[in-house]
């Protein structure tokens, strides 16, 4: 069956920038044990290498179910399970769809929405296409909550998140979050982020270790908006874009440096 994989969770630092308007109160996730919801996920990518016209990869679409497995004073544990039957036939994930049934991401999250533990199951014998596509899905399922500040806040509050994110190269990510509206226990948050990396030698995914390239320049920018209930489950609606531009020194056999631009679009909504 699927094999469980535990992963290192990078620490997230949360800094309050602006407490917002009165009334102010601490925001905390308060899920009910045994509660569950279904989410619909779509990830699209546009890629442009050098002067070539940009091309789109088929979007990854899937439904998934999130359940609250346990709750205690420190936080809660969620289990997100992919519904393999919802995958379109042309999806890279669908090639291994039968083995994706029951594949899941388990997270332990504190009451402020910071992920403390993460493990997932990967289908046995998954090829690189399935593994790469599942990695994108996993990263979304691992970020179902937005970290919240310790301090009491009101509408208009802004806070900053600093964390390390894993991709082809390790990036430092700084996200600014604004509380745009609050209706009962549903928050509307707007996010903008920037990523930076250490320049130098980079290992390219899917290449032998000898095929390292010099990373000469990198820029990552993104933005999004999410309507997020504090029940710890699926966002009512979330959309985000992340655009990265990477310039690599001349790879072996190439004429000169290669500029790679990738635009990722992610949409999630609660599917009743």
Protein backbone atom coordinates (compact mmCIF):
# COMPACT_ATOMS: atom_id res chain seq x y z
CA UNK A 1 0.00 0.00 0.00
CA UNK A 2 0.98 3.68 0.05
CA UNK A 3 4.07 4.36 2.14
CA UNK A 4 4.04 7.13 4.81
CA UNK A 5 6.72 9.81 4.53
CA UNK A 6 7.41 12.27 7.37
CA UNK A 7 8.82 15.61 6.29
CA UNK A 8 10.69 18.36 8.09
CA UNK A 9 8.46 21.34 8.85
CA UNK A 10 10.18 24.70 8.57
CA UNK A 11 9.43 27.14 11.36
CA UNK A 12 7.08 30.04 10.58
CA UNK A 13 7.76 33.39 12.20
CA UNK A 14 4.73 35.66 12.60
CA UNK A 15 5.19 39.42 13.22
CA UNK A 16 2.26 41.79 13.78
CA UNK A 17 2.66 44.98 11.71
CA UNK A 18 -0.66 46.75 12.37
CA UNK A 19 -3.36 45.68 14.89
CA UNK A 20 -6.29 47.03 12.85
CA UNK A 21 -9.55 48.64 13.98
CA UNK A 22 -11.54 48.02 17.15
CA UNK A 23 -12.94 45.65 18.20
CA UNK A 24 -9.74 43.61 18.45
CA UNK A 25 -9.54 40.02 19.66
CA UNK A 26 -7.16 37.08 19.32
CA UNK A 27 -7.91 34.95 16.23
CA UNK A 28 -7.68 31.21 16.82
CA UNK A 29 -8.70 28.10 14.87
CA UNK A 30 -11.32 26.08 16.77
CA UNK A 31 -12.22 22.94 14.80
CA UNK A 32 -14.66 20.27 15.99
CA UNK A 33 -13.28 16.75 16.21
CA UNK A 34 -14.93 14.50 13.63
CA UNK A 35 -15.94 17.38 11.34
CA UNK A 36 -15.13 17.08 7.65
CA UNK A 37 -15.44 19.00 4.37
CA UNK A 38 -14.71 18.42 0.69
CA UNK A 39 -12.55 20.81 -1.33
CA UNK A 40 -12.07 21.25 -5.07
CA UNK A 41 -8.54 22.11 -6.14
CA UNK A 42 -7.14 23.40 -9.43
CA UNK A 43 -3.47 24.14 -10.11
CA UNK A 44 -2.45 25.62 -13.46
CA UNK A 45 1.03 26.48 -14.74
CA UNK A 46 2.38 28.61 -17.57
CA UNK A 47 6.06 28.11 -18.36
CA UNK A 48 8.33 30.16 -20.60
CA UNK A 49 11.94 29.16 -21.27
CA UNK A 50 14.16 31.80 -22.87
CA UNK A 51 12.60 33.39 -25.97
CA UNK A 52 10.27 30.48 -26.69
CA UNK A 53 6.53 31.21 -26.50
CA UNK A 54 5.06 30.35 -23.11
CA UNK A 55 3.20 27.07 -22.87
CA UNK A 56 0.52 25.91 -20.45
CA UNK A 57 0.56 22.52 -18.77
CA UNK A 58 -2.84 20.80 -18.37
CA UNK A 59 -4.30 21.99 -15.05
CA UNK A 60 -4.21 19.57 -12.15
CA UNK A 61 -7.75 19.31 -10.79
CA UNK A 62 -8.83 17.12 -7.92
CA UNK A 63 -11.28 16.85 -5.07
CA UNK A 64 -10.12 16.06 -1.60
CA UNK A 65 -11.68 15.47 1.81
CA UNK A 66 -10.35 17.02 5.01
CA UNK A 67 -11.30 15.58 8.37
CA UNK A 68 -10.38 16.74 11.87
CA UNK A 69 -8.89 13.63 13.45
CA UNK A 70 -8.22 15.01 16.95
CA UNK A 71 -8.32 18.25 18.91
CA UNK A 72 -6.53 19.26 22.11
CA UNK A 73 -5.58 22.50 23.89
CA UNK A 74 -2.46 22.91 21.72
CA UNK A 75 -4.17 22.46 18.36
CA UNK A 76 -5.55 19.77 16.09
CA UNK A 77 -4.64 17.05 13.62
CA UNK A 78 -6.11 16.99 10.10
CA UNK A 79 -6.12 14.31 7.46
CA UNK A 80 -6.62 15.33 3.82
CA UNK A 81 -7.39 12.43 1.46
CA UNK A 82 -7.27 12.72 -2.33
CA UNK A 83 -10.35 11.48 -4.21
CA UNK A 84 -8.68 9.66 -7.13
CA UNK A 85 -11.97 9.23 -9.01
CA UNK A 86 -12.18 13.04 -9.45
CA UNK A 87 -8.99 13.24 -11.51
CA UNK A 88 -9.46 14.02 -15.23
CA UNK A 89 -8.01 11.36 -17.53
CA UNK A 90 -5.31 13.68 -18.94
CA UNK A 91 -4.00 14.67 -15.49
CA UNK A 92 -0.44 13.52 -14.76
CA UNK A 93 -1.83 12.21 -11.47
CA UNK A 94 -4.46 10.10 -13.23
CA UNK A 95 -1.81 7.80 -14.72
CA UNK A 96 -1.45 6.32 -11.27
CA UNK A 97 -5.01 7.04 -10.17
CA UNK A 98 -5.77 3.54 -8.93
CA UNK A 99 -2.80 3.69 -6.59
CA UNK A 100 -3.72 7.24 -5.47
CA UNK A 101 -6.88 6.11 -3.68
CA UNK A 102 -6.36 6.66 0.00
CA UNK A 103 -3.23 8.76 -0.49
CA UNK A 104 -3.33 11.37 2.25
CA UNK A 105 -1.58 14.29 3.91
CA UNK A 106 -1.66 14.42 7.72
CA UNK A 107 -0.82 17.62 9.55
CA UNK A 108 -0.61 18.68 13.17
CA UNK A 109 -1.53 22.36 13.38
CA UNK A 110 -1.54 24.64 16.41
CA UNK A 111 -4.49 26.93 17.23
CA UNK A 112 -2.78 29.81 15.38
CA UNK A 113 -2.64 27.76 12.17
CA UNK A 114 1.08 27.00 12.17
CA UNK A 115 1.89 23.51 10.87
CA UNK A 116 3.98 21.64 13.46
CA UNK A 117 4.11 18.16 11.91
CA UNK A 118 3.49 16.88 8.41
CA UNK A 119 3.46 13.42 6.91
CA UNK A 120 2.02 12.08 3.70
CA UNK A 121 1.59 8.85 1.83
CA UNK A 122 2.95 8.50 -1.69
CA UNK A 123 1.65 5.83 -4.06
CA UNK A 124 3.99 2.82 -4.30
CA UNK A 125 6.03 2.81 -7.50
CA UNK A 126 4.97 6.36 -8.43
CA UNK A 127 6.88 7.60 -11.48
CA UNK A 128 8.50 11.06 -11.60
CA UNK A 129 5.45 12.64 -13.32
CA UNK A 130 3.09 11.44 -10.60
CA UNK A 131 5.55 12.35 -7.85
CA UNK A 132 6.04 15.89 -9.22
CA UNK A 133 2.31 16.49 -9.66
CA UNK A 134 1.54 15.03 -6.25
CA UNK A 135 4.21 17.31 -4.73
CA UNK A 136 2.24 20.35 -5.97
CA UNK A 137 -0.99 18.96 -4.55
CA UNK A 138 0.72 18.07 -1.27
CA UNK A 139 2.07 21.60 -0.87
CA UNK A 140 -1.46 23.00 -1.23
CA UNK A 141 -3.00 20.44 1.16
CA UNK A 142 -0.26 21.25 3.69
CA UNK A 143 -1.29 24.93 3.72
CA UNK A 144 -5.00 24.78 4.40
CA UNK A 145 -4.64 27.31 7.23
CA UNK A 146 -3.06 30.78 7.23
CA UNK A 147 -0.88 31.43 10.33
CA UNK A 148 -2.42 34.02 12.64
CA UNK A 149 -0.74 36.51 15.02
CA UNK A 150 -0.52 35.96 18.78
CA UNK A 151 -1.91 39.43 19.53
CA UNK A 152 -5.56 40.62 19.40
CA UNK A 153 -6.43 42.09 15.98
CA UNK A 154 -9.32 43.74 14.15
CA UNK A 155 -10.27 44.41 10.55
CA UNK A 156 -7.41 46.16 8.75
CA UNK A 157 -4.75 44.27 10.73
CA UNK A 158 -1.57 43.31 8.86
CA UNK A 159 1.03 40.72 9.81
CA UNK A 160 4.12 39.21 8.20
CA UNK A 161 5.00 35.52 7.84
CA UNK A 162 8.58 34.41 7.30
CA UNK A 163 9.28 30.79 6.36
CA UNK A 164 11.54 28.58 4.27
CA UNK A 165 9.83 26.84 1.35
CA UNK A 166 11.14 23.88 -0.62
CA UNK A 167 11.13 23.90 -4.42
CA UNK A 168 13.81 23.15 -7.01
CA UNK A 169 15.91 25.41 -4.74
CA UNK A 170 15.24 26.37 -1.11
CA UNK A 171 13.65 29.82 -0.91
CA UNK A 172 13.06 32.27 1.92
CA UNK A 173 9.44 33.40 1.69
CA UNK A 174 8.08 36.59 3.23
CA UNK A 175 4.29 37.00 3.11
CA UNK A 176 2.25 40.00 4.18
CA UNK A 177 -1.31 39.16 5.28
CA UNK A 178 -4.15 41.68 5.67
CA UNK A 179 -7.44 40.99 7.44
CA UNK A 180 -9.82 42.60 4.93
CA UNK A 181 -13.13 41.53 6.53
CA UNK A 182 -14.57 39.31 9.21
CA UNK A 183 -18.06 37.82 9.27
CA UNK A 184 -18.54 35.80 12.44
CA UNK A 185 -15.87 33.10 12.32
CA UNK A 186 -15.05 33.57 8.61
CA UNK A 187 -12.04 35.72 7.73
CA UNK A 188 -11.29 37.35 4.38
CA UNK A 189 -7.52 37.64 4.02
CA UNK A 190 -5.42 39.20 1.28
CA UNK A 191 -1.83 38.03 0.87
CA UNK A 192 1.21 39.25 -1.03
CA UNK A 193 4.53 37.43 -0.98
CA UNK A 194 8.11 37.62 -2.15
CA UNK A 195 10.65 34.81 -2.37
CA UNK A 196 14.43 35.08 -2.38
CA UNK A 197 17.11 32.41 -2.72
CA UNK A 198 20.86 32.13 -2.24
CA UNK A 199 22.49 32.51 -5.64
CA UNK A 200 25.16 30.04 -6.72
CA UNK A 201 25.13 26.39 -7.69
CA UNK A 202 21.66 24.89 -8.07
CA UNK A 203 20.68 21.27 -8.58
CA UNK A 204 18.10 21.03 -11.35
CA UNK A 205 15.26 18.58 -10.65
CA UNK A 206 15.17 15.53 -12.87
CA UNK A 207 18.84 15.78 -13.86
CA UNK A 208 21.90 13.82 -12.72
CA UNK A 209 23.83 15.48 -9.91
CA UNK A 210 26.60 16.40 -12.37
CA UNK A 211 24.18 18.67 -14.25
CA UNK A 212 24.21 21.45 -11.70
CA UNK A 213 23.74 24.99 -12.99
CA UNK A 214 24.76 28.41 -11.71
CA UNK A 215 21.76 30.29 -10.40
CA UNK A 216 22.50 33.86 -11.51
CA UNK A 217 19.26 35.64 -10.60
CA UNK A 218 15.90 34.81 -9.03
CA UNK A 219 12.68 36.65 -8.32
CA UNK A 220 9.50 35.24 -6.84
CA UNK A 221 6.31 37.26 -6.31
CA UNK A 222 2.77 36.22 -5.52
CA UNK A 223 -0.59 37.40 -4.30
CA UNK A 224 -3.88 35.90 -3.27
CA UNK A 225 -7.14 36.19 -1.41
CA UNK A 226 -8.90 33.64 0.78
CA UNK A 227 -12.23 33.35 2.62
CA UNK A 228 -11.27 31.17 5.53
CA UNK A 229 -13.55 29.75 8.25
CA UNK A 230 -11.82 29.21 11.58
CA UNK A 231 -13.03 25.58 11.60
CA UNK A 232 -9.63 24.37 10.30
CA UNK A 233 -11.06 22.67 7.23
CA UNK A 234 -11.33 23.80 3.60
CA UNK A 235 -11.31 27.51 2.61
CA UNK A 236 -14.69 28.66 1.29
CA UNK A 237 -12.77 30.17 -1.60
CA UNK A 238 -9.07 30.77 -2.20
CA UNK A 239 -7.07 31.87 -5.22
CA UNK A 240 -3.40 32.70 -5.54
CA UNK A 241 -0.75 33.29 -8.16
CA UNK A 242 3.00 32.83 -7.82
CA UNK A 243 5.38 33.95 -10.56
CA UNK A 244 9.05 32.99 -10.40
CA UNK A 245 11.75 34.15 -12.80
CA UNK A 246 15.03 32.23 -12.67
CA UNK A 247 18.17 32.94 -14.69
CA UNK A 248 20.60 30.05 -14.96
CA UNK A 249 24.17 30.22 -16.25
CA UNK A 250 24.69 28.40 -19.55
CA UNK A 251 23.72 24.74 -18.99
CA UNK A 252 25.97 22.13 -20.70
CA UNK A 253 25.51 22.39 -24.50
CA UNK A 254 23.59 25.68 -24.37
CA UNK A 255 24.58 28.90 -26.13
CA UNK A 256 24.14 31.17 -23.13
CA UNK A 257 22.19 31.77 -19.92
CA UNK A 258 18.62 30.44 -19.70
CA UNK A 259 15.77 32.47 -18.23
CA UNK A 260 12.84 30.41 -16.96
CA UNK A 261 9.54 32.04 -16.00
CA UNK A 262 6.88 29.97 -14.24
CA UNK A 263 3.44 31.27 -13.30
CA UNK A 264 1.46 29.01 -10.96
CA UNK A 265 -2.25 29.66 -10.34
CA UNK A 266 -4.02 27.84 -7.52
CA UNK A 267 -7.76 27.82 -6.79
CA UNK A 268 -9.49 26.04 -3.93
CA UNK A 269 -13.13 26.13 -2.93
CA UNK A 270 -15.38 24.24 -0.60
CA UNK A 271 -17.49 21.74 -2.52
CA UNK A 272 -20.57 20.92 -0.50
